[in-house]
N, C-alpha and C. Protein backbone atom coordinates (compact mmCIF):
# COMPACT_ATOMS: atom_id res chain seq x y z
N MET A 1 -8.89 2.49 10.06
CA MET A 1 -7.52 2.67 10.38
C MET A 1 -6.87 1.12 10.79
N LEU A 2 -5.55 1.46 10.33
CA LEU A 2 -4.67 0.15 10.63
C LEU A 2 -4.11 0.56 11.89
N THR A 3 -3.85 -0.73 12.60
CA THR A 3 -3.41 -0.59 13.86
C THR A 3 -1.81 -0.17 13.91
N LYS A 4 -1.25 0.19 14.96
CA LYS A 4 0.03 0.87 15.09
C LYS A 4 0.89 -0.08 14.35
N GLN A 5 0.77 -1.54 14.82
CA GLN A 5 1.82 -2.56 14.67
C GLN A 5 1.97 -2.84 12.92
N HIS A 6 0.70 -2.32 12.28
CA HIS A 6 0.59 -2.48 10.83
C HIS A 6 1.07 -1.31 10.05
N ARG A 7 1.54 -0.23 10.81
CA ARG A 7 1.93 1.00 9.94
C ARG A 7 3.23 1.19 9.97
N LEU A 8 3.66 1.71 8.75
CA LEU A 8 5.00 2.14 8.64
C LEU A 8 5.05 3.61 8.96
N LYS A 9 5.93 4.00 9.71
CA LYS A 9 5.79 5.44 10.30
C LYS A 9 7.20 6.11 10.02
N LYS A 10 8.28 5.62 10.44
CA LYS A 10 9.40 6.19 10.24
C LYS A 10 10.15 6.45 8.98
N ASN A 11 10.65 7.76 8.76
CA ASN A 11 11.10 7.80 7.33
C ASN A 11 12.37 6.88 6.95
N LYS A 12 13.16 6.43 7.86
CA LYS A 12 14.33 5.44 7.67
C LYS A 12 13.64 4.04 6.99
N ASP A 13 12.35 3.65 7.56
CA ASP A 13 11.62 2.59 7.04
C ASP A 13 11.10 2.86 5.52
N PHE A 14 10.72 4.15 5.30
CA PHE A 14 10.31 4.52 4.03
C PHE A 14 11.33 4.34 2.89
N GLU A 15 12.51 5.14 3.39
CA GLU A 15 13.58 5.14 2.55
C GLU A 15 14.17 3.69 2.28
N LEU A 16 14.26 2.96 3.40
CA LEU A 16 14.68 1.46 3.05
C LEU A 16 13.89 0.81 1.93
N VAL A 17 12.65 0.96 1.98
CA VAL A 17 11.64 0.05 1.09
C VAL A 17 11.73 0.86 -0.18
N PHE A 18 11.89 2.09 -0.33
CA PHE A 18 12.23 2.68 -1.64
C PHE A 18 13.34 2.38 -2.33
N LYS A 19 14.44 2.19 -1.48
CA LYS A 19 15.80 1.97 -2.05
C LYS A 19 15.88 0.57 -2.45
N ARG A 20 15.59 -0.16 -1.56
CA ARG A 20 15.51 -1.86 -1.61
C ARG A 20 14.48 -2.44 -2.23
N GLY A 21 13.38 -1.96 -2.15
CA GLY A 21 12.04 -2.60 -2.55
C GLY A 21 12.04 -3.00 -4.03
N LYS A 22 11.26 -4.19 -4.19
CA LYS A 22 10.81 -4.56 -5.45
C LYS A 22 9.44 -3.70 -5.70
N THR A 23 9.32 -3.36 -7.04
CA THR A 23 8.30 -2.57 -7.45
C THR A 23 7.30 -3.34 -8.17
N PHE A 24 5.90 -3.18 -7.92
CA PHE A 24 4.91 -4.01 -8.77
C PHE A 24 4.07 -2.95 -9.28
N ASP A 25 3.75 -2.59 -10.60
CA ASP A 25 2.97 -1.53 -11.10
C ASP A 25 1.73 -2.21 -11.51
N GLY A 26 0.63 -1.22 -11.38
CA GLY A 26 -0.47 -1.42 -11.83
C GLY A 26 -1.18 -0.15 -12.86
N LYS A 27 -2.27 -0.17 -12.91
CA LYS A 27 -2.78 0.92 -13.92
C LYS A 27 -2.79 2.16 -13.10
N PHE A 28 -3.17 2.17 -11.78
CA PHE A 28 -3.11 3.72 -11.11
C PHE A 28 -2.62 3.48 -9.74
N LEU A 29 -2.12 2.24 -9.54
CA LEU A 29 -1.51 2.23 -8.20
C LEU A 29 -0.13 1.41 -8.30
N PHE A 30 0.82 1.54 -7.41
CA PHE A 30 2.10 0.86 -7.46
C PHE A 30 2.37 0.27 -6.18
N LEU A 31 3.14 -0.67 -5.94
CA LEU A 31 3.72 -1.45 -4.74
C LEU A 31 5.11 -1.28 -4.64
N LYS A 32 5.58 -1.11 -3.49
CA LYS A 32 7.21 -1.21 -3.21
C LYS A 32 7.09 -2.20 -2.00
N ILE A 33 7.90 -3.41 -2.31
CA ILE A 33 7.72 -4.25 -1.08
C ILE A 33 9.20 -4.74 -0.84
N ILE A 34 9.56 -4.99 0.32
CA ILE A 34 10.65 -5.50 0.95
C ILE A 34 10.49 -6.64 2.12
N LYS A 35 11.08 -7.63 1.93
CA LYS A 35 10.78 -8.61 2.89
C LYS A 35 11.90 -8.48 4.19
N ARG A 36 11.04 -8.51 5.42
CA ARG A 36 11.87 -7.97 6.56
C ARG A 36 11.62 -9.29 7.39
N ASN A 37 12.66 -10.29 7.51
CA ASN A 37 12.34 -11.53 8.26
C ASN A 37 12.17 -11.34 9.83
N ASN A 38 12.58 -10.38 10.42
CA ASN A 38 12.60 -10.18 11.75
C ASN A 38 11.24 -9.49 12.40
N LEU A 39 10.34 -9.33 11.44
CA LEU A 39 8.77 -8.91 12.02
C LEU A 39 7.83 -10.02 11.94
N LYS A 40 6.95 -10.02 12.96
CA LYS A 40 5.94 -10.82 13.01
C LYS A 40 4.55 -10.50 12.26
N VAL A 41 4.67 -9.40 11.75
CA VAL A 41 3.52 -8.74 11.22
C VAL A 41 4.00 -7.87 9.94
N SER A 42 3.21 -7.83 8.97
CA SER A 42 3.50 -7.06 7.62
C SER A 42 2.96 -5.34 7.99
N ARG A 43 3.91 -4.53 7.66
CA ARG A 43 3.82 -3.02 7.74
C ARG A 43 3.43 -2.27 6.31
N PHE A 44 2.44 -1.30 6.51
CA PHE A 44 1.97 -0.70 5.32
C PHE A 44 2.18 0.74 5.47
N GLY A 45 2.54 1.38 4.34
CA GLY A 45 2.68 2.73 4.25
C GLY A 45 2.04 3.38 2.92
N LEU A 46 1.44 4.48 3.13
CA LEU A 46 0.59 4.87 1.80
C LEU A 46 1.33 6.22 1.27
N VAL A 47 1.64 6.40 0.26
CA VAL A 47 2.14 7.57 -0.54
C VAL A 47 1.13 8.15 -1.68
N VAL A 48 0.43 9.36 -1.37
CA VAL A 48 -0.23 10.03 -2.24
C VAL A 48 0.16 11.53 -2.31
N GLY A 49 1.05 11.75 -3.55
CA GLY A 49 1.56 13.21 -3.54
C GLY A 49 0.64 14.18 -4.00
N THR A 50 1.04 15.19 -3.96
CA THR A 50 0.08 16.52 -4.40
C THR A 50 0.34 16.50 -6.07
N LYS A 51 1.02 15.75 -6.66
CA LYS A 51 0.96 15.54 -8.11
C LYS A 51 -0.44 14.93 -8.40
N ILE A 52 -1.16 14.09 -7.48
CA ILE A 52 -2.15 13.42 -7.88
C ILE A 52 -3.25 14.39 -7.78
N SER A 53 -3.30 15.17 -6.57
CA SER A 53 -4.48 16.17 -6.55
C SER A 53 -4.05 17.20 -5.38
N LYS A 54 -4.00 18.50 -5.81
CA LYS A 54 -3.49 19.55 -4.86
C LYS A 54 -4.70 19.73 -3.60
N LYS A 55 -5.67 18.92 -3.57
CA LYS A 55 -6.79 19.03 -2.70
C LYS A 55 -6.34 17.87 -1.67
N ALA A 56 -6.25 18.13 -0.52
CA ALA A 56 -6.17 17.27 0.60
C ALA A 56 -7.10 16.31 0.82
N THR A 57 -8.26 16.45 0.73
CA THR A 57 -9.47 15.93 0.73
C THR A 57 -9.50 14.60 -0.18
N ILE A 58 -9.12 14.91 -1.51
CA ILE A 58 -8.75 14.01 -2.47
C ILE A 58 -7.86 12.94 -2.02
N ARG A 59 -6.69 13.43 -1.68
CA ARG A 59 -5.69 12.58 -1.36
C ARG A 59 -6.02 11.60 -0.17
N ASN A 60 -6.38 12.16 0.94
CA ASN A 60 -6.89 11.33 2.05
C ASN A 60 -7.94 10.49 1.72
N LYS A 61 -9.01 10.84 0.69
CA LYS A 61 -9.98 9.82 0.44
C LYS A 61 -9.32 8.42 -0.36
N ILE A 62 -8.16 8.72 -1.14
CA ILE A 62 -7.59 7.79 -1.80
C ILE A 62 -6.77 6.77 -0.65
N LYS A 63 -6.30 7.63 0.29
CA LYS A 63 -5.50 6.82 1.38
C LYS A 63 -6.56 5.97 2.06
N ARG A 64 -7.65 6.59 2.66
CA ARG A 64 -8.65 5.85 3.21
C ARG A 64 -9.12 4.61 2.80
N ARG A 65 -9.33 4.77 1.49
CA ARG A 65 -9.77 3.35 0.71
C ARG A 65 -8.94 2.51 0.56
N SER A 66 -7.57 2.73 0.34
CA SER A 66 -6.41 1.81 0.14
C SER A 66 -6.33 1.25 1.60
N ARG A 67 -6.39 2.02 2.59
CA ARG A 67 -6.17 1.28 4.05
C ARG A 67 -7.35 0.40 4.37
N ASP A 68 -8.65 0.78 3.93
CA ASP A 68 -9.61 0.01 4.03
C ASP A 68 -9.53 -1.43 3.53
N VAL A 69 -9.01 -1.50 2.38
CA VAL A 69 -8.79 -2.62 1.46
C VAL A 69 -7.77 -3.47 2.28
N ILE A 70 -6.70 -2.96 2.79
CA ILE A 70 -5.68 -3.63 3.49
C ILE A 70 -6.20 -4.34 4.83
N ARG A 71 -6.90 -3.29 5.65
CA ARG A 71 -7.46 -3.69 6.83
C ARG A 71 -8.52 -4.79 6.72
N LYS A 72 -9.13 -4.97 5.63
CA LYS A 72 -10.19 -6.02 5.27
C LYS A 72 -9.39 -7.25 4.87
N ARG A 73 -8.13 -7.25 4.52
CA ARG A 73 -7.55 -8.36 3.89
C ARG A 73 -6.25 -8.83 4.85
N LEU A 74 -5.99 -8.26 6.16
CA LEU A 74 -4.90 -8.49 6.98
C LEU A 74 -4.84 -10.00 7.37
N GLU A 75 -5.96 -10.79 7.55
CA GLU A 75 -5.85 -12.15 7.76
C GLU A 75 -5.17 -12.94 6.68
N ASP A 76 -5.43 -12.35 5.59
CA ASP A 76 -4.81 -13.13 4.23
C ASP A 76 -3.33 -12.86 3.87
N ILE A 77 -2.91 -11.81 4.65
CA ILE A 77 -1.61 -11.46 4.25
C ILE A 77 -0.45 -11.90 5.03
N LYS A 78 0.57 -12.41 4.25
CA LYS A 78 1.69 -13.17 4.97
C LYS A 78 2.59 -12.16 5.76
N SER A 79 3.10 -12.48 6.89
CA SER A 79 3.82 -11.60 7.92
C SER A 79 5.21 -11.46 7.36
N GLY A 80 5.91 -10.27 7.86
CA GLY A 80 7.20 -10.04 7.61
C GLY A 80 7.48 -9.14 6.42
N PHE A 81 6.52 -8.50 5.90
CA PHE A 81 6.72 -7.74 4.74
C PHE A 81 6.47 -6.23 5.03
N ASP A 82 7.37 -5.22 4.33
CA ASP A 82 7.01 -3.74 4.60
C ASP A 82 6.60 -3.44 3.07
N VAL A 83 5.41 -2.80 3.07
CA VAL A 83 4.92 -2.45 1.85
C VAL A 83 4.57 -0.95 1.71
N ILE A 84 4.77 -0.33 0.54
CA ILE A 84 4.34 1.06 0.20
C ILE A 84 3.40 1.00 -0.86
N ILE A 85 2.32 1.45 -0.61
CA ILE A 85 1.39 1.53 -1.68
C ILE A 85 1.31 3.23 -2.10
N GLY A 86 1.65 3.25 -3.49
CA GLY A 86 1.68 4.57 -3.86
C GLY A 86 0.74 4.82 -5.12
N ALA A 87 0.22 6.03 -5.25
CA ALA A 87 -0.77 6.16 -6.13
C ALA A 87 -0.36 7.07 -7.47
N LYS A 88 -0.96 6.68 -8.44
CA LYS A 88 -0.68 7.26 -9.89
C LYS A 88 -1.62 8.18 -10.14
N THR A 89 -1.43 9.12 -11.14
CA THR A 89 -2.26 10.11 -11.41
C THR A 89 -3.84 9.77 -11.64
N TRP A 90 -3.95 8.67 -12.26
CA TRP A 90 -5.42 8.20 -12.74
C TRP A 90 -6.15 7.63 -11.58
N VAL A 91 -5.61 7.56 -10.49
CA VAL A 91 -6.55 7.04 -9.33
C VAL A 91 -7.68 8.04 -8.76
N VAL A 92 -7.55 9.37 -9.11
CA VAL A 92 -8.45 10.23 -8.74
C VAL A 92 -9.91 9.85 -9.11
N ASP A 93 -10.15 9.37 -10.23
CA ASP A 93 -11.60 9.02 -10.79
C ASP A 93 -12.05 7.75 -10.46
N LYS A 94 -11.39 6.81 -9.72
CA LYS A 94 -11.43 5.56 -9.76
C LYS A 94 -12.40 5.38 -8.23
N SER A 95 -13.40 4.34 -8.55
CA SER A 95 -14.27 4.00 -7.24
C SER A 95 -13.58 3.11 -6.36
N TYR A 96 -14.16 2.92 -5.20
CA TYR A 96 -13.57 2.07 -4.07
C TYR A 96 -13.34 0.41 -4.81
N GLN A 97 -14.48 0.11 -5.25
CA GLN A 97 -14.22 -1.25 -5.92
C GLN A 97 -12.97 -1.44 -7.00
N GLU A 98 -12.82 -0.36 -7.62
CA GLU A 98 -11.83 -0.41 -8.61
C GLU A 98 -10.33 -0.50 -7.89
N ILE A 99 -10.39 0.59 -6.94
CA ILE A 99 -9.15 0.40 -6.32
C ILE A 99 -8.85 -0.91 -5.48
N LYS A 100 -10.04 -1.48 -4.86
CA LYS A 100 -9.74 -2.77 -4.15
C LYS A 100 -9.44 -3.93 -5.10
N GLU A 101 -9.92 -3.77 -6.36
CA GLU A 101 -9.53 -4.88 -7.10
C GLU A 101 -8.01 -4.94 -7.80
N GLU A 102 -7.71 -3.41 -7.91
CA GLU A 102 -6.34 -3.21 -8.29
C GLU A 102 -5.34 -3.57 -7.14
N LEU A 103 -5.63 -3.26 -6.09
CA LEU A 103 -4.67 -3.31 -5.01
C LEU A 103 -4.72 -4.93 -4.58
N GLU A 104 -5.64 -5.72 -4.71
CA GLU A 104 -5.70 -7.05 -4.32
C GLU A 104 -4.94 -7.95 -5.64
N GLY A 105 -5.10 -7.41 -6.70
CA GLY A 105 -4.33 -7.95 -7.70
C GLY A 105 -2.77 -7.75 -7.63
N LEU A 106 -2.47 -6.55 -7.26
CA LEU A 106 -1.06 -6.36 -7.22
C LEU A 106 -0.44 -7.01 -5.74
N LEU A 107 -1.09 -7.35 -4.59
CA LEU A 107 -0.72 -7.92 -3.46
C LEU A 107 -0.46 -9.33 -3.93
N GLU A 108 -1.35 -10.02 -4.80
CA GLU A 108 -1.28 -11.47 -5.20
C GLU A 108 -0.23 -11.51 -5.99
N LYS A 109 0.05 -10.60 -7.04
CA LYS A 109 1.30 -10.69 -7.99
C LYS A 109 2.53 -10.68 -7.27
N ALA A 110 2.55 -9.79 -6.16
CA ALA A 110 3.70 -9.64 -5.20
C ALA A 110 3.97 -10.75 -4.56
N GLY A 111 3.20 -11.58 -4.17
CA GLY A 111 3.25 -12.84 -3.54
C GLY A 111 3.09 -12.59 -1.86
N VAL A 112 2.15 -11.61 -1.70
CA VAL A 112 2.02 -11.32 -0.45
C VAL A 112 0.83 -12.08 0.25
N LEU A 113 0.04 -12.27 -0.40
CA LEU A 113 -1.36 -12.90 0.15
C LEU A 113 -1.09 -14.30 0.08
N LYS A 114 -1.71 -14.90 1.26
CA LYS A 114 -1.70 -16.41 1.50
C LYS A 114 -2.55 -16.88 0.68
N LEU A 115 -2.35 -18.07 -0.02
CA LEU A 115 -3.24 -18.73 -1.05
C LEU A 115 -3.80 -20.07 -0.50
């Protein structure tokens, strides 16, 4: 679980990222990122719609796996970003390792990871 300071919670924050954020596409995940200079930490939100699966257990499993990858890499993530991680339909069959590789690749591509 991500700490409260690392979570995007409010609808207005999600809307802002979706409207103004830059998109980075992967095979089965995508990122929407916006730079917010007034924050000392980066915040993350996850979006897994019913299009992915009608079963909440499957959607929650995808979110748990994505959150775990982020939680383990928090030290390596630059501060001041609002990031939304979204799932595409093909993510349902993917293992934790595949999700981890895809998400880390997207974060690196987006310039969010410290090098």
